[in-house]
């Protein structure tokens, strides 16, 4: 009877070890998936914000662009190119888009998984 109990202890110990190994692997996979989910959530938030900004720009262009001529740059009917210094307008506007602000304001700031570990 003692031999049977010893064999049963050995079998249960092996089963316990296999369960612990399986739990470790599952926990590691969970952590990896959780990190990937965090990255995807951050990217989704960023892309949603960019989409909203782009939709606002499209709405602005559609609502204001139809009634203005080509020479009306700022949307208020003023021609900003009448600065009076040759080439000044081109230099001044080289880093600015037509809706105001930097050309780089809508550039992506991509989230990555390097910072997540």
PDB file of N, CA and C in Angstrom:
ATOM      1  N   UNK A   1       0.827  -1.203   0.000  1.00  0.00           N
ATOM      2  CA  UNK A   1       0.000   0.000   0.000  1.00  0.00           C
ATOM      3  C   UNK A   1       0.872   1.268   0.000  1.00  0.00           C
ATOM      4  N   UNK A   2       1.995   1.210   0.771  1.00  0.00           N
ATOM      5  CA  UNK A   2       2.923   2.348   0.838  1.00  0.00           C
ATOM      6  C   UNK A   2       3.539   2.597  -0.538  1.00  0.00           C
ATOM      7  N   UNK A   3       3.857   1.535  -1.265  1.00  0.00           N
ATOM      8  CA  UNK A   3       4.414   1.689  -2.616  1.00  0.00           C
ATOM      9  C   UNK A   3       3.406   2.356  -3.547  1.00  0.00           C
ATOM     10  N   UNK A   4       2.159   1.986  -3.439  1.00  0.00           N
ATOM     11  CA  UNK A   4       1.117   2.621  -4.254  1.00  0.00           C
ATOM     12  C   UNK A   4       0.977   4.110  -3.926  1.00  0.00           C
ATOM     13  N   UNK A   5       1.033   4.411  -2.640  1.00  0.00           N
ATOM     14  CA  UNK A   5       0.938   5.817  -2.233  1.00  0.00           C
ATOM     15  C   UNK A   5       2.158   6.615  -2.712  1.00  0.00           C
ATOM     16  N   UNK A   6       3.339   6.020  -2.658  1.00  0.00           N
ATOM     17  CA  UNK A   6       4.552   6.682  -3.132  1.00  0.00           C
ATOM     18  C   UNK A   6       4.465   6.933  -4.639  1.00  0.00           C
ATOM     19  N   UNK A   7       3.977   5.968  -5.381  1.00  0.00           N
ATOM     20  CA  UNK A   7       3.801   6.132  -6.831  1.00  0.00           C
ATOM     21  C   UNK A   7       2.775   7.230  -7.122  1.00  0.00           C
ATOM     22  N   UNK A   8       1.721   7.253  -6.325  1.00  0.00           N
ATOM     23  CA  UNK A   8       0.697   8.277  -6.502  1.00  0.00           C
ATOM     24  C   UNK A   8       1.277   9.669  -6.194  1.00  0.00           C
ATOM     25  N   UNK A   9       2.121   9.775  -5.160  1.00  0.00           N
ATOM     26  CA  UNK A   9       2.776  11.047  -4.828  1.00  0.00           C
ATOM     27  C   UNK A   9       3.660  11.502  -5.991  1.00  0.00           C
ATOM     28  N   UNK A  10       4.419  10.569  -6.547  1.00  0.00           N
ATOM     29  CA  UNK A  10       5.291  10.901  -7.688  1.00  0.00           C
ATOM     30  C   UNK A  10       4.471  11.377  -8.891  1.00  0.00           C
ATOM     31  N   UNK A  11       3.378  10.686  -9.171  1.00  0.00           N
ATOM     32  CA  UNK A  11       2.527  11.058 -10.299  1.00  0.00           C
ATOM     33  C   UNK A  11       1.903  12.434 -10.072  1.00  0.00           C
ATOM     34  N   UNK A  12       1.411  12.677  -8.874  1.00  0.00           N
ATOM     35  CA  UNK A  12       0.805  13.971  -8.560  1.00  0.00           C
ATOM     36  C   UNK A  12       1.848  15.093  -8.594  1.00  0.00           C
ATOM     37  N   UNK A  13       3.069  14.790  -8.163  1.00  0.00           N
ATOM     38  CA  UNK A  13       4.153  15.779  -8.229  1.00  0.00           C
ATOM     39  C   UNK A  13       4.475  16.131  -9.676  1.00  0.00           C
ATOM     40  N   UNK A  14       4.520  15.121 -10.546  1.00  0.00           N
ATOM     41  CA  UNK A  14       4.744  15.371 -11.980  1.00  0.00           C
ATOM     42  C   UNK A  14       3.604  16.191 -12.580  1.00  0.00           C
ATOM     43  N   UNK A  15       2.387  15.833 -12.236  1.00  0.00           N
ATOM     44  CA  UNK A  15       1.235  16.588 -12.733  1.00  0.00           C
ATOM     45  C   UNK A  15       1.290  18.044 -12.254  1.00  0.00           C
ATOM     46  N   UNK A  16       1.657  18.233 -10.977  1.00  0.00           N
ATOM     47  CA  UNK A  16       1.764  19.571 -10.410  1.00  0.00           C
ATOM     48  C   UNK A  16       2.831  20.384 -11.146  1.00  0.00           C
ATOM     49  N   UNK A  17       3.975  19.764 -11.447  1.00  0.00           N
ATOM     50  CA  UNK A  17       5.057  20.432 -12.156  1.00  0.00           C
ATOM     51  C   UNK A  17       4.612  20.836 -13.569  1.00  0.00           C
ATOM     52  N   UNK A  18       3.891  19.977 -14.240  1.00  0.00           N
ATOM     53  CA  UNK A  18       3.387  20.289 -15.580  1.00  0.00           C
ATOM     54  C   UNK A  18       2.382  21.442 -15.540  1.00  0.00           C
ATOM     55  N   UNK A  19       1.532  21.432 -14.533  1.00  0.00           N
ATOM     56  CA  UNK A  19       0.556  22.516 -14.385  1.00  0.00           C
ATOM     57  C   UNK A  19       1.261  23.846 -14.122  1.00  0.00           C
ATOM     58  N   UNK A  20       2.292  23.840 -13.269  1.00  0.00           N
ATOM     59  CA  UNK A  20       3.047  25.062 -12.990  1.00  0.00           C
ATOM     60  C   UNK A  20       3.772  25.575 -14.234  1.00  0.00           C
ATOM     61  N   UNK A  21       4.352  24.672 -15.019  1.00  0.00           N
ATOM     62  CA  UNK A  21       5.003  25.071 -16.275  1.00  0.00           C
ATOM     63  C   UNK A  21       3.992  25.688 -17.240  1.00  0.00           C
ATOM     64  N   UNK A  22       2.845  25.054 -17.333  1.00  0.00           N
ATOM     65  CA  UNK A  22       1.788  25.572 -18.201  1.00  0.00           C
ATOM     66  C   UNK A  22       1.319  26.952 -17.735  1.00  0.00           C
ATOM     67  N   UNK A  23       1.198  27.117 -16.425  1.00  0.00           N
ATOM     68  CA  UNK A  23       0.791  28.401 -15.859  1.00  0.00           C
ATOM     69  C   UNK A  23       1.834  29.480 -16.145  1.00  0.00           C
ATOM     70  N   UNK A  24       3.109  29.148 -16.051  1.00  0.00           N
ATOM     71  CA  UNK A  24       4.188  30.102 -16.338  1.00  0.00           C
ATOM     72  C   UNK A  24       4.140  30.550 -17.796  1.00  0.00           C
ATOM     73  N   UNK A  25       3.991  29.585 -18.702  1.00  0.00           N
ATOM     74  CA  UNK A  25       3.915  29.921 -20.127  1.00  0.00           C
ATOM     75  C   UNK A  25       2.689  30.788 -20.407  1.00  0.00           C
ATOM     76  N   UNK A  26       1.573  30.436 -19.817  1.00  0.00           N
ATOM     77  CA  UNK A  26       0.339  31.205 -20.017  1.00  0.00           C
ATOM     78  C   UNK A  26       0.484  32.617 -19.462  1.00  0.00           C
ATOM     79  N   UNK A  27       1.119  32.759 -18.319  1.00  0.00           N
ATOM     80  CA  UNK A  27       1.340  34.089 -17.732  1.00  0.00           C
ATOM     81  C   UNK A  27       2.246  34.937 -18.612  1.00  0.00           C
ATOM     82  N   UNK A  28       3.286  34.334 -19.173  1.00  0.00           N
ATOM     83  CA  UNK A  28       4.179  35.069 -20.066  1.00  0.00           C
ATOM     84  C   UNK A  28       3.441  35.530 -21.325  1.00  0.00           C
ATOM     85  N   UNK A  29       2.634  34.661 -21.881  1.00  0.00           N
ATOM     86  CA  UNK A  29       1.845  35.032 -23.066  1.00  0.00           C
ATOM     87  C   UNK A  29       0.857  36.144 -22.735  1.00  0.00           C
ATOM     88  N   UNK A  30       0.251  36.068 -21.560  1.00  0.00           N
ATOM     89  CA  UNK A  30      -0.681  37.111 -21.129  1.00  0.00           C
ATOM     90  C   UNK A  30       0.012  38.461 -21.030  1.00  0.00           C
ATOM     91  N   UNK A  31       1.210  38.487 -20.432  1.00  0.00           N
ATOM     92  CA  UNK A  31       1.951  39.737 -20.296  1.00  0.00           C
ATOM     93  C   UNK A  31       2.320  40.301 -21.667  1.00  0.00           C
ATOM     94  N   UNK A  32       2.722  39.439 -22.587  1.00  0.00           N
ATOM     95  CA  UNK A  32       3.072  39.882 -23.941  1.00  0.00           C
ATOM     96  C   UNK A  32       1.850  40.467 -24.639  1.00  0.00           C
ATOM     97  N   UNK A  33       0.732  39.791 -24.540  1.00  0.00           N
ATOM     98  CA  UNK A  33      -0.500  40.267 -25.177  1.00  0.00           C
ATOM     99  C   UNK A  33      -0.974  41.557 -24.523  1.00  0.00           C
ATOM    100  N   UNK A  34      -0.821  41.664 -23.221  1.00  0.00           N
ATOM    101  CA  UNK A  34      -1.215  42.886 -22.519  1.00  0.00           C
ATOM    102  C   UNK A  34      -0.354  44.066 -22.987  1.00  0.00           C
ATOM    103  N   UNK A  35       0.946  43.864 -23.178  1.00  0.00           N
ATOM    104  CA  UNK A  35       1.831  44.926 -23.670  1.00  0.00           C
ATOM    105  C   UNK A  35       1.448  45.322 -25.096  1.00  0.00           C
ATOM    106  N   UNK A  36       1.182  44.340 -25.944  1.00  0.00           N
ATOM    107  CA  UNK A  36       0.757  44.634 -27.317  1.00  0.00           C
ATOM    108  C   UNK A  36      -0.569  45.388 -27.323  1.00  0.00           C
ATOM    109  N   UNK A  37      -1.471  45.023 -26.434  1.00  0.00           N
ATOM    110  CA  UNK A  37      -2.747  45.707 -26.332  1.00  0.00           C
ATOM    111  C   UNK A  37      -2.562  47.164 -25.923  1.00  0.00           C
ATOM    112  N   UNK A  38      -1.640  47.416 -25.007  1.00  0.00           N
ATOM    113  CA  UNK A  38      -1.357  48.790 -24.590  1.00  0.00           C
ATOM    114  C   UNK A  38      -0.820  49.610 -25.749  1.00  0.00           C
ATOM    115  N   UNK A  39       0.070  49.032 -26.535  1.00  0.00           N
ATOM    116  CA  UNK A  39       0.609  49.731 -27.702  1.00  0.00           C
ATOM    117  C   UNK A  39      -0.519  50.029 -28.692  1.00  0.00           C
ATOM    118  N   UNK A  40      -1.344  49.050 -28.969  1.00  0.00           N
ATOM    119  CA  UNK A  40      -2.437  49.243 -29.919  1.00  0.00           C
ATOM    120  C   UNK A  40      -3.445  50.271 -29.415  1.00  0.00           C
ATOM    121  N   UNK A  41      -3.698  50.290 -28.122  1.00  0.00           N
ATOM    122  CA  UNK A  41      -4.614  51.279 -27.548  1.00  0.00           C
ATOM    123  C   UNK A  41      -4.042  52.683 -27.711  1.00  0.00           C
ATOM    124  N   UNK A  42      -2.754  52.839 -27.465  1.00  0.00           N
ATOM    125  CA  UNK A  42      -2.114  54.152 -27.631  1.00  0.00           C
ATOM    126  C   UNK A  42      -2.138  54.575 -29.090  1.00  0.00           C
ATOM    127  N   UNK A  43      -1.866  53.653 -30.000  1.00  0.00           N
ATOM    128  CA  UNK A  43      -1.904  53.972 -31.428  1.00  0.00           C
ATOM    129  C   UNK A  43      -3.321  54.336 -31.863  1.00  0.00           C
ATOM    130  N   UNK A  44      -4.320  53.620 -31.356  1.00  0.00           N
ATOM    131  CA  UNK A  44      -5.700  53.931 -31.702  1.00  0.00           C
ATOM    132  C   UNK A  44      -6.077  55.331 -31.235  1.00  0.00           C
ATOM    133  N   UNK A  45      -5.661  55.679 -30.024  1.00  0.00           N
ATOM    134  CA  UNK A  45      -5.947  57.006 -29.496  1.00  0.00           C
ATOM    135  C   UNK A  45      -5.284  58.082 -30.350  1.00  0.00           C
ATOM    136  N   UNK A  46      -4.041  57.858 -30.700  1.00  0.00           N
ATOM    137  CA  UNK A  46      -3.308  58.809 -31.539  1.00  0.00           C
ATOM    138  C   UNK A  46      -3.968  58.961 -32.899  1.00  0.00           C
ATOM    139  N   UNK A  47      -4.317  57.845 -33.513  1.00  0.00           N
ATOM    140  CA  UNK A  47      -4.936  57.897 -34.839  1.00  0.00           C
ATOM    141  C   UNK A  47      -6.329  58.522 -34.783  1.00  0.00           C
ATOM    142  N   UNK A  48      -7.056  58.290 -33.710  1.00  0.00           N
ATOM    143  CA  UNK A  48      -8.378  58.920 -33.563  1.00  0.00           C
ATOM    144  C   UNK A  48      -8.246  60.433 -33.465  1.00  0.00           C
ATOM    145  N   UNK A  49      -7.243  60.883 -32.714  1.00  0.00           N
ATOM    146  CA  UNK A  49      -7.001  62.320 -32.585  1.00  0.00           C
ATOM    147  C   UNK A  49      -6.599  62.919 -33.927  1.00  0.00           C
ATOM    148  N   UNK A  50      -5.729  62.244 -34.636  1.00  0.00           N
ATOM    149  CA  UNK A  50      -5.310  62.728 -35.958  1.00  0.00           C
ATOM    150  C   UNK A  50      -6.488  62.759 -36.922  1.00  0.00           C
ATOM    151  N   UNK A  51      -7.330  61.722 -36.887  1.00  0.00           N
ATOM    152  CA  UNK A  51      -8.499  61.693 -37.762  1.00  0.00           C
ATOM    153  C   UNK A  51      -9.438  62.852 -37.453  1.00  0.00           C
ATOM    154  N   UNK A  52      -9.645  63.108 -36.173  1.00  0.00           N
ATOM    155  CA  UNK A  52     -10.509  64.226 -35.779  1.00  0.00           C
ATOM    156  C   UNK A  52      -9.927  65.543 -36.289  1.00  0.00           C
ATOM    157  N   UNK A  53      -8.622  65.727 -36.158  1.00  0.00           N
ATOM    158  CA  UNK A  53      -7.985  66.951 -36.646  1.00  0.00           C
ATOM    159  C   UNK A  53      -8.126  67.075 -38.156  1.00  0.00           C
ATOM    160  N   UNK A  54      -7.915  65.978 -38.856  1.00  0.00           N
ATOM    161  CA  UNK A  54      -8.047  66.016 -40.315  1.00  0.00           C
ATOM    162  C   UNK A  54      -9.490  66.288 -40.736  1.00  0.00           C
ATOM    163  N   UNK A  55     -10.451  65.720 -40.013  1.00  0.00           N
ATOM    164  CA  UNK A  55     -11.848  65.996 -40.323  1.00  0.00           C
ATOM    165  C   UNK A  55     -12.189  67.456 -40.083  1.00  0.00           C
ATOM    166  N   UNK A  56     -11.613  68.050 -39.032  1.00  0.00           N
ATOM    167  CA  UNK A  56     -11.829  69.472 -38.771  1.00  0.00           C
ATOM    168  C   UNK A  56     -11.248  70.324 -39.898  1.00  0.00           C
ATOM    169  N   UNK A  57     -10.081  69.932 -40.408  1.00  0.00           N
ATOM    170  CA  UNK A  57      -9.466  70.657 -41.517  1.00  0.00           C
ATOM    171  C   UNK A  57     -10.336  70.544 -42.762  1.00  0.00           C
ATOM    172  N   UNK A  58     -10.829  69.340 -43.047  1.00  0.00           N
ATOM    173  CA  UNK A  58     -11.694  69.138 -44.216  1.00  0.00           C
ATOM    174  C   UNK A  58     -12.960  69.971 -44.076  1.00  0.00           C
ATOM    175  N   UNK A  59     -13.556  69.982 -42.891  1.00  0.00           N
ATOM    176  CA  UNK A  59     -14.761  70.787 -42.663  1.00  0.00           C
ATOM    177  C   UNK A  59     -14.466  72.272 -42.861  1.00  0.00           C
ATOM    178  N   UNK A  60     -13.322  72.720 -42.378  1.00  0.00           N
ATOM    179  CA  UNK A  60     -12.933  74.124 -42.524  1.00  0.00           C
ATOM    180  C   UNK A  60     -12.751  74.477 -43.991  1.00  0.00           C
ATOM    181  N   UNK A  61     -12.066  73.616 -44.724  1.00  0.00           N
ATOM    182  CA  UNK A  61     -11.835  73.874 -46.142  1.00  0.00           C
ATOM    183  C   UNK A  61     -13.154  73.863 -46.898  1.00  0.00           C
ATOM    184  N   UNK A  62     -14.026  72.920 -46.596  1.00  0.00           N
ATOM    185  CA  UNK A  62     -15.303  72.832 -47.304  1.00  0.00           C
ATOM    186  C   UNK A  62     -16.217  74.001 -46.975  1.00  0.00           C
ATOM    187  N   UNK A  63     -16.205  74.446 -45.724  1.00  0.00           N
ATOM    188  CA  UNK A  63     -17.115  75.532 -45.348  1.00  0.00           C
ATOM    189  C   UNK A  63     -16.580  76.899 -45.737  1.00  0.00           C
ATOM    190  N   UNK A  64     -15.273  77.113 -45.686  1.00  0.00           N
ATOM    191  CA  UNK A  64     -14.700  78.419 -45.980  1.00  0.00           C
ATOM    192  C   UNK A  64     -14.078  78.526 -47.354  1.00  0.00           C
ATOM    193  N   UNK A  65     -13.675  77.430 -47.922  1.00  0.00           N
ATOM    194  CA  UNK A  65     -12.923  77.463 -49.171  1.00  0.00           C
ATOM    195  C   UNK A  65     -13.732  77.832 -50.393  1.00  0.00           C
ATOM    196  N   UNK A  66     -15.022  77.625 -50.386  1.00  0.00           N
ATOM    197  CA  UNK A  66     -15.816  77.833 -51.593  1.00  0.00           C
ATOM    198  C   UNK A  66     -15.970  79.302 -51.940  1.00  0.00           C
ATOM    199  N   UNK A  67     -16.007  80.206 -50.966  1.00  0.00           N
ATOM    200  CA  UNK A  67     -16.274  81.608 -51.243  1.00  0.00           C
ATOM    201  C   UNK A  67     -15.047  82.479 -51.353  1.00  0.00           C
ATOM    202  N   UNK A  68     -13.838  81.897 -51.335  1.00  0.00           N
ATOM    203  CA  UNK A  68     -12.630  82.704 -51.329  1.00  0.00           C
ATOM    204  C   UNK A  68     -11.836  82.475 -52.592  1.00  0.00           C
ATOM    205  N   UNK A  69     -11.155  83.500 -53.019  1.00  0.00           N
ATOM    206  CA  UNK A  69     -10.318  83.419 -54.201  1.00  0.00           C
ATOM    207  C   UNK A  69      -8.991  82.787 -53.889  1.00  0.00           C
ATOM    208  N   UNK A  70      -8.199  82.593 -54.918  1.00  0.00           N
ATOM    209  CA  UNK A  70      -6.906  81.952 -54.764  1.00  0.00           C
ATOM    210  C   UNK A  70      -5.958  82.826 -53.941  1.00  0.00           C
ATOM    211  N   UNK A  71      -6.081  84.161 -54.051  1.00  0.00           N
ATOM    212  CA  UNK A  71      -5.158  85.062 -53.369  1.00  0.00           C
ATOM    213  C   UNK A  71      -5.496  85.258 -51.901  1.00  0.00           C
ATOM    214  N   UNK A  72      -6.570  84.712 -51.436  1.00  0.00           N
ATOM    215  CA  UNK A  72      -6.963  84.909 -50.047  1.00  0.00           C
ATOM    216  C   UNK A  72      -6.435  83.737 -49.225  1.00  0.00           C
ATOM    217  N   UNK A  73      -5.335  83.975 -48.561  1.00  0.00           N
ATOM    218  CA  UNK A  73      -4.607  82.887 -47.918  1.00  0.00           C
ATOM    219  C   UNK A  73      -5.164  82.538 -46.546  1.00  0.00           C
ATOM    220  N   UNK A  74      -5.435  83.536 -45.735  1.00  0.00           N
ATOM    221  CA  UNK A  74      -5.753  83.259 -44.337  1.00  0.00           C
ATOM    222  C   UNK A  74      -7.224  82.979 -44.060  1.00  0.00           C
ATOM    223  N   UNK A  75      -8.075  82.950 -45.075  1.00  0.00           N
ATOM    224  CA  UNK A  75      -9.489  82.663 -44.891  1.00  0.00           C
ATOM    225  C   UNK A  75     -10.284  83.865 -44.422  1.00  0.00           C
ATOM    226  N   UNK A  76      -9.648  85.019 -44.262  1.00  0.00           N
ATOM    227  CA  UNK A  76     -10.344  86.232 -43.821  1.00  0.00           C
ATOM    228  C   UNK A  76     -10.408  87.271 -44.927  1.00  0.00           C
ATOM    229  N   UNK A  77      -9.966  86.920 -46.119  1.00  0.00           N
ATOM    230  CA  UNK A  77     -10.013  87.851 -47.233  1.00  0.00           C
ATOM    231  C   UNK A  77      -8.764  88.695 -47.359  1.00  0.00           C
ATOM    232  N   UNK A  78      -7.763  88.467 -46.512  1.00  0.00           N
ATOM    233  CA  UNK A  78      -6.530  89.228 -46.591  1.00  0.00           C
ATOM    234  C   UNK A  78      -5.494  88.431 -47.357  1.00  0.00           C
ATOM    235  N   UNK A  79      -4.757  89.142 -48.193  1.00  0.00           N
ATOM    236  CA  UNK A  79      -3.679  88.496 -48.926  1.00  0.00           C
ATOM    237  C   UNK A  79      -2.401  88.683 -48.136  1.00  0.00           C
ATOM    238  N   UNK A  80      -1.967  87.647 -47.442  1.00  0.00           N
ATOM    239  CA  UNK A  80      -0.787  87.744 -46.593  1.00  0.00           C
ATOM    240  C   UNK A  80       0.498  87.908 -47.387  1.00  0.00           C
ATOM    241  N   UNK A  81       0.437  87.729 -48.684  1.00  0.00           N
ATOM    242  CA  UNK A  81       1.644  87.839 -49.493  1.00  0.00           C
ATOM    243  C   UNK A  81       1.998  89.285 -49.797  1.00  0.00           C
ATOM    244  N   UNK A  82       1.233  90.236 -49.318  1.00  0.00           N
ATOM    245  CA  UNK A  82       1.519  91.650 -49.588  1.00  0.00           C
ATOM    246  C   UNK A  82       2.392  92.236 -48.495  1.00  0.00           C
ATOM    247  N   UNK A  83       3.417  91.510 -48.103  1.00  0.00           N
ATOM    248  CA  UNK A  83       4.299  91.943 -47.029  1.00  0.00           C
ATOM    249  C   UNK A  83       5.183  93.094 -47.507  1.00  0.00           C
ATOM    250  N   UNK A  84       5.540  93.098 -48.787  1.00  0.00           N
ATOM    251  CA  UNK A  84       6.335  94.181 -49.335  1.00  0.00           C
ATOM    252  C   UNK A  84       7.806  93.861 -49.468  1.00  0.00           C
ATOM    253  N   UNK A  85       8.256  92.738 -48.981  1.00  0.00           N
ATOM    254  CA  UNK A  85       9.657  92.335 -49.106  1.00  0.00           C
ATOM    255  C   UNK A  85       9.682  91.113 -49.998  1.00  0.00           C
ATOM    256  N   UNK A  86      10.376  91.234 -51.126  1.00  0.00           N
ATOM    257  CA  UNK A  86      10.434  90.121 -52.076  1.00  0.00           C
ATOM    258  C   UNK A  86      11.009  88.878 -51.404  1.00  0.00           C
ATOM    259  N   UNK A  87      10.334  87.788 -51.545  1.00  0.00           N
ATOM    260  CA  UNK A  87      10.781  86.520 -50.997  1.00  0.00           C
ATOM    261  C   UNK A  87      10.469  86.328 -49.522  1.00  0.00           C
ATOM    262  N   UNK A  88      10.051  87.366 -48.839  1.00  0.00           N
ATOM    263  CA  UNK A  88       9.768  87.237 -47.409  1.00  0.00           C
ATOM    264  C   UNK A  88       8.602  86.300 -47.165  1.00  0.00           C
ATOM    265  N   UNK A  89       7.575  86.402 -48.002  1.00  0.00           N
ATOM    266  CA  UNK A  89       6.398  85.547 -47.829  1.00  0.00           C
ATOM    267  C   UNK A  89       6.777  84.083 -47.949  1.00  0.00           C
ATOM    268  N   UNK A  90       7.554  83.767 -48.996  1.00  0.00           N
ATOM    269  CA  UNK A  90       7.937  82.374 -49.193  1.00  0.00           C
ATOM    270  C   UNK A  90       8.748  81.856 -48.018  1.00  0.00           C
ATOM    271  N   UNK A  91       9.677  82.676 -47.510  1.00  0.00           N
ATOM    272  CA  UNK A  91      10.474  82.251 -46.353  1.00  0.00           C
ATOM    273  C   UNK A  91       9.593  82.096 -45.126  1.00  0.00           C
ATOM    274  N   UNK A  92       8.661  83.040 -44.930  1.00  0.00           N
ATOM    275  CA  UNK A  92       7.801  83.023 -43.756  1.00  0.00           C
ATOM    276  C   UNK A  92       6.850  81.830 -43.780  1.00  0.00           C
ATOM    277  N   UNK A  93       6.346  81.483 -44.953  1.00  0.00           N
ATOM    278  CA  UNK A  93       5.330  80.440 -45.053  1.00  0.00           C
ATOM    279  C   UNK A  93       5.912  79.063 -45.361  1.00  0.00           C
ATOM    280  N   UNK A  94       7.230  78.944 -45.471  1.00  0.00           N
ATOM    281  CA  UNK A  94       7.801  77.666 -45.865  1.00  0.00           C
ATOM    282  C   UNK A  94       7.542  76.561 -44.844  1.00  0.00           C
ATOM    283  N   UNK A  95       7.447  76.899 -43.552  1.00  0.00           N
ATOM    284  CA  UNK A  95       7.210  75.878 -42.534  1.00  0.00           C
ATOM    285  C   UNK A  95       5.825  75.940 -41.935  1.00  0.00           C
ATOM    286  N   UNK A  96       4.903  76.642 -42.594  1.00  0.00           N
ATOM    287  CA  UNK A  96       3.554  76.818 -42.055  1.00  0.00           C
ATOM    288  C   UNK A  96       2.550  76.375 -43.097  1.00  0.00           C
ATOM    289  N   UNK A  97       1.532  75.658 -42.658  1.00  0.00           N
ATOM    290  CA  UNK A  97       0.508  75.256 -43.606  1.00  0.00           C
ATOM    291  C   UNK A  97      -0.532  76.365 -43.762  1.00  0.00           C
ATOM    292  N   UNK A  98      -1.443  76.225 -44.697  1.00  0.00           N
ATOM    293  CA  UNK A  98      -2.411  77.275 -45.002  1.00  0.00           C
ATOM    294  C   UNK A  98      -3.462  77.467 -43.919  1.00  0.00           C
ATOM    295  N   UNK A  99      -3.569  76.526 -43.003  1.00  0.00           N
ATOM    296  CA  UNK A  99      -4.573  76.639 -41.950  1.00  0.00           C
ATOM    297  C   UNK A  99      -3.955  77.154 -40.659  1.00  0.00           C
ATOM    298  N   UNK A 100      -2.729  77.567 -40.742  1.00  0.00           N
ATOM    299  CA  UNK A 100      -2.043  78.080 -39.566  1.00  0.00           C
ATOM    300  C   UNK A 100      -1.329  76.978 -38.825  1.00  0.00           C
ATOM    301  N   UNK A 101      -0.262  77.323 -38.203  1.00  0.00           N
ATOM    302  CA  UNK A 101       0.482  76.334 -37.435  1.00  0.00           C
ATOM    303  C   UNK A 101       1.539  75.662 -38.269  1.00  0.00           C
ATOM    304  N   UNK A 102       2.336  74.892 -37.630  1.00  0.00           N
ATOM    305  CA  UNK A 102       3.448  74.232 -38.277  1.00  0.00           C
ATOM    306  C   UNK A 102       2.972  73.093 -39.158  1.00  0.00           C
ATOM    307  N   UNK A 103       3.706  72.864 -40.230  1.00  0.00           N
ATOM    308  CA  UNK A 103       3.428  71.721 -41.104  1.00  0.00           C
ATOM    309  C   UNK A 103       3.572  70.428 -40.314  1.00  0.00           C
ATOM    310  N   UNK A 104       4.418  70.475 -39.303  1.00  0.00           N
ATOM    311  CA  UNK A 104       4.732  69.269 -38.549  1.00  0.00           C
ATOM    312  C   UNK A 104       3.738  68.988 -37.427  1.00  0.00           C
ATOM    313  N   UNK A 105       2.712  69.790 -37.284  1.00  0.00           N
ATOM    314  CA  UNK A 105       1.801  69.620 -36.149  1.00  0.00           C
ATOM    315  C   UNK A 105       0.961  68.357 -36.237  1.00  0.00           C
ATOM    316  N   UNK A 106       0.760  67.821 -37.431  1.00  0.00           N
ATOM    317  CA  UNK A 106      -0.046  66.611 -37.573  1.00  0.00           C
ATOM    318  C   UNK A 106       0.800  65.395 -37.894  1.00  0.00           C
ATOM    319  N   UNK A 107       2.078  65.468 -37.619  1.00  0.00           N
ATOM    320  CA  UNK A 107       2.940  64.326 -37.846  1.00  0.00           C
ATOM    321  C   UNK A 107       2.726  63.320 -36.728  1.00  0.00           C
ATOM    322  N   UNK A 108       2.830  62.031 -37.029  1.00  0.00           N
ATOM    323  CA  UNK A 108       2.545  61.015 -36.012  1.00  0.00           C
ATOM    324  C   UNK A 108       3.622  60.937 -34.946  1.00  0.00           C
ATOM    325  N   UNK A 109       3.176  60.616 -33.767  1.00  0.00           N
ATOM    326  CA  UNK A 109       4.067  60.248 -32.673  1.00  0.00           C
ATOM    327  C   UNK A 109       3.706  58.809 -32.364  1.00  0.00           C
ATOM    328  N   UNK A 110       4.428  57.910 -32.976  1.00  0.00           N
ATOM    329  CA  UNK A 110       4.051  56.513 -32.917  1.00  0.00           C
ATOM    330  C   UNK A 110       4.436  55.899 -31.579  1.00  0.00           C
ATOM    331  N   UNK A 111       3.485  55.219 -31.016  1.00  0.00           N
ATOM    332  CA  UNK A 111       3.758  54.450 -29.800  1.00  0.00           C
ATOM    333  C   UNK A 111       4.422  53.157 -30.227  1.00  0.00           C
ATOM    334  N   UNK A 112       5.351  52.691 -29.434  1.00  0.00           N
ATOM    335  CA  UNK A 112       5.961  51.408 -29.756  1.00  0.00           C
ATOM    336  C   UNK A 112       6.089  50.588 -28.484  1.00  0.00           C
ATOM    337  N   UNK A 113       6.386  49.326 -28.679  1.00  0.00           N
ATOM    338  CA  UNK A 113       6.410  48.435 -27.540  1.00  0.00           C
ATOM    339  C   UNK A 113       7.746  48.473 -26.796  1.00  0.00           C
ATOM    340  N   UNK A 114       8.707  49.256 -27.252  1.00  0.00           N
ATOM    341  CA  UNK A 114       9.981  49.339 -26.561  1.00  0.00           C
ATOM    342  C   UNK A 114       9.793  49.936 -25.171  1.00  0.00           C
ATOM    343  N   UNK A 115       8.945  50.955 -25.075  1.00  0.00           N
ATOM    344  CA  UNK A 115       8.714  51.625 -23.797  1.00  0.00           C
ATOM    345  C   UNK A 115       7.745  50.857 -22.897  1.00  0.00           C
ATOM    346  N   UNK A 116       7.179  49.823 -23.393  1.00  0.00           N
ATOM    347  CA  UNK A 116       6.139  49.110 -22.648  1.00  0.00           C
ATOM    348  C   UNK A 116       6.730  48.002 -21.775  1.00  0.00           C
ATOM    349  N   UNK A 117       8.013  47.663 -21.934  1.00  0.00           N
ATOM    350  CA  UNK A 117       8.569  46.546 -21.174  1.00  0.00           C
ATOM    351  C   UNK A 117       9.388  47.029 -20.020  1.00  0.00           C
TER     352      UNK A 117
END
